[in-house]
């Protein structure tokens, strides 16, 4: 039986960008506080349904970022989340 959980691996700089964004931090703060480390990665443990929500919020915040650097970091995090979603659907 497939798990209803997903582990999303992010680089530390992507994770820090999520934490620094107020909207994402407010919506997903519980998950951002309960991360694990795996080698060079920060691992978020979220439900499969929440991965889609998280990707949507991160993409929206990247599009409305205050500057190009924040947008690039959030887009990188969004790409990592979407790769995990793609693998979950396989």
C-alpha atoms as a PDB file:
ATOM      1  CA  UNK A   1       0.000   0.000   0.000  1.00  0.00           C
ATOM      2  CA  UNK A   2       1.288   3.427  -0.938  1.00  0.00           C
ATOM      3  CA  UNK A   3       1.974   5.919   1.801  1.00  0.00           C
ATOM      4  CA  UNK A   4      -0.048   9.117   1.941  1.00  0.00           C
ATOM      5  CA  UNK A   5       3.103  11.004   2.997  1.00  0.00           C
ATOM      6  CA  UNK A   6       5.794  12.590   0.894  1.00  0.00           C
ATOM      7  CA  UNK A   7       9.307  13.581   1.816  1.00  0.00           C
ATOM      8  CA  UNK A   8      10.461  16.659  -0.052  1.00  0.00           C
ATOM      9  CA  UNK A   9      14.214  17.206  -0.187  1.00  0.00           C
ATOM     10  CA  UNK A  10      15.295  20.823  -0.397  1.00  0.00           C
ATOM     11  CA  UNK A  11      18.678  22.462  -0.386  1.00  0.00           C
ATOM     12  CA  UNK A  12      19.196  24.552   2.751  1.00  0.00           C
ATOM     13  CA  UNK A  13      18.999  27.800   0.765  1.00  0.00           C
ATOM     14  CA  UNK A  14      15.616  26.748  -0.679  1.00  0.00           C
ATOM     15  CA  UNK A  15      14.369  25.854   2.787  1.00  0.00           C
ATOM     16  CA  UNK A  16      15.553  29.198   4.184  1.00  0.00           C
ATOM     17  CA  UNK A  17      13.696  30.991   1.377  1.00  0.00           C
ATOM     18  CA  UNK A  18      10.472  29.206   2.389  1.00  0.00           C
ATOM     19  CA  UNK A  19      10.967  30.123   6.039  1.00  0.00           C
ATOM     20  CA  UNK A  20      11.749  33.745   5.193  1.00  0.00           C
ATOM     21  CA  UNK A  21       8.542  34.184   3.195  1.00  0.00           C
ATOM     22  CA  UNK A  22       5.805  35.263   5.569  1.00  0.00           C
ATOM     23  CA  UNK A  23       2.865  33.819   3.614  1.00  0.00           C
ATOM     24  CA  UNK A  24       4.485  30.405   3.190  1.00  0.00           C
ATOM     25  CA  UNK A  25       5.689  30.411   6.776  1.00  0.00           C
ATOM     26  CA  UNK A  26       2.178  31.245   8.014  1.00  0.00           C
ATOM     27  CA  UNK A  27       0.506  28.568   5.876  1.00  0.00           C
ATOM     28  CA  UNK A  28       3.057  25.772   6.343  1.00  0.00           C
ATOM     29  CA  UNK A  29       4.878  26.776   9.517  1.00  0.00           C
ATOM     30  CA  UNK A  30       4.186  23.479  11.270  1.00  0.00           C
ATOM     31  CA  UNK A  31       5.989  21.569   8.518  1.00  0.00           C
ATOM     32  CA  UNK A  32       8.832  24.066   8.365  1.00  0.00           C
ATOM     33  CA  UNK A  33       9.453  23.566  12.083  1.00  0.00           C
ATOM     34  CA  UNK A  34       9.552  19.768  11.939  1.00  0.00           C
ATOM     35  CA  UNK A  35      12.174  19.105   9.290  1.00  0.00           C
ATOM     36  CA  UNK A  36      14.855  16.447   9.204  1.00  0.00           C
ATOM     37  CA  UNK A  37      18.369  16.638   7.827  1.00  0.00           C
ATOM     38  CA  UNK A  38      19.503  14.077   5.277  1.00  0.00           C
ATOM     39  CA  UNK A  39      23.047  14.661   4.117  1.00  0.00           C
ATOM     40  CA  UNK A  40      23.131  18.054   2.439  1.00  0.00           C
ATOM     41  CA  UNK A  41      19.329  18.291   2.278  1.00  0.00           C
ATOM     42  CA  UNK A  42      16.526  19.518   4.487  1.00  0.00           C
ATOM     43  CA  UNK A  43      13.571  17.112   4.325  1.00  0.00           C
ATOM     44  CA  UNK A  44       9.943  18.186   4.721  1.00  0.00           C
ATOM     45  CA  UNK A  45       7.448  15.452   5.619  1.00  0.00           C
ATOM     46  CA  UNK A  46       4.018  16.421   4.268  1.00  0.00           C
ATOM     47  CA  UNK A  47       0.919  14.646   3.049  1.00  0.00           C
ATOM     48  CA  UNK A  48       0.637  14.024  -0.672  1.00  0.00           C
ATOM     49  CA  UNK A  49      -2.314  16.412  -0.903  1.00  0.00           C
ATOM     50  CA  UNK A  50      -0.359  19.137   0.842  1.00  0.00           C
ATOM     51  CA  UNK A  51       2.483  18.876  -1.659  1.00  0.00           C
ATOM     52  CA  UNK A  52       0.206  20.318  -4.334  1.00  0.00           C
ATOM     53  CA  UNK A  53      -0.911  23.115  -2.023  1.00  0.00           C
ATOM     54  CA  UNK A  54       2.669  23.871  -1.059  1.00  0.00           C
ATOM     55  CA  UNK A  55       3.796  23.966  -4.698  1.00  0.00           C
ATOM     56  CA  UNK A  56       0.953  26.344  -5.536  1.00  0.00           C
ATOM     57  CA  UNK A  57       1.729  28.717  -2.679  1.00  0.00           C
ATOM     58  CA  UNK A  58       5.450  28.709  -3.420  1.00  0.00           C
ATOM     59  CA  UNK A  59       4.849  29.377  -7.137  1.00  0.00           C
ATOM     60  CA  UNK A  60       2.473  32.239  -6.330  1.00  0.00           C
ATOM     61  CA  UNK A  61       4.902  33.785  -3.870  1.00  0.00           C
ATOM     62  CA  UNK A  62       7.752  33.435  -6.387  1.00  0.00           C
ATOM     63  CA  UNK A  63       5.666  35.365  -8.908  1.00  0.00           C
ATOM     64  CA  UNK A  64       5.030  38.117  -6.361  1.00  0.00           C
ATOM     65  CA  UNK A  65       8.488  38.215  -4.802  1.00  0.00           C
ATOM     66  CA  UNK A  66       9.984  41.522  -3.711  1.00  0.00           C
ATOM     67  CA  UNK A  67      13.112  41.039  -5.809  1.00  0.00           C
ATOM     68  CA  UNK A  68      14.740  38.731  -8.353  1.00  0.00           C
ATOM     69  CA  UNK A  69      16.830  36.896  -5.772  1.00  0.00           C
ATOM     70  CA  UNK A  70      13.792  35.928  -3.685  1.00  0.00           C
ATOM     71  CA  UNK A  71      11.938  34.927  -6.841  1.00  0.00           C
ATOM     72  CA  UNK A  72      14.824  32.717  -7.986  1.00  0.00           C
ATOM     73  CA  UNK A  73      15.099  31.002  -4.595  1.00  0.00           C
ATOM     74  CA  UNK A  74      11.362  30.355  -4.367  1.00  0.00           C
ATOM     75  CA  UNK A  75      11.270  29.100  -7.966  1.00  0.00           C
ATOM     76  CA  UNK A  76      14.086  26.695  -7.145  1.00  0.00           C
ATOM     77  CA  UNK A  77      12.159  25.416  -4.120  1.00  0.00           C
ATOM     78  CA  UNK A  78       9.012  25.094  -6.234  1.00  0.00           C
ATOM     79  CA  UNK A  79      10.912  23.042  -8.818  1.00  0.00           C
ATOM     80  CA  UNK A  80      12.128  20.682  -6.084  1.00  0.00           C
ATOM     81  CA  UNK A  81       8.578  20.264  -4.766  1.00  0.00           C
ATOM     82  CA  UNK A  82       7.179  19.645  -8.257  1.00  0.00           C
ATOM     83  CA  UNK A  83       9.833  16.993  -8.981  1.00  0.00           C
ATOM     84  CA  UNK A  84       8.683  15.156  -5.862  1.00  0.00           C
ATOM     85  CA  UNK A  85       5.051  15.431  -6.992  1.00  0.00           C
ATOM     86  CA  UNK A  86       6.008  13.997 -10.387  1.00  0.00           C
ATOM     87  CA  UNK A  87       7.711  10.999  -8.752  1.00  0.00           C
ATOM     88  CA  UNK A  88       4.709  10.427  -6.495  1.00  0.00           C
ATOM     89  CA  UNK A  89       2.410  10.171  -9.501  1.00  0.00           C
ATOM     90  CA  UNK A  90       4.564   7.579 -11.261  1.00  0.00           C
END
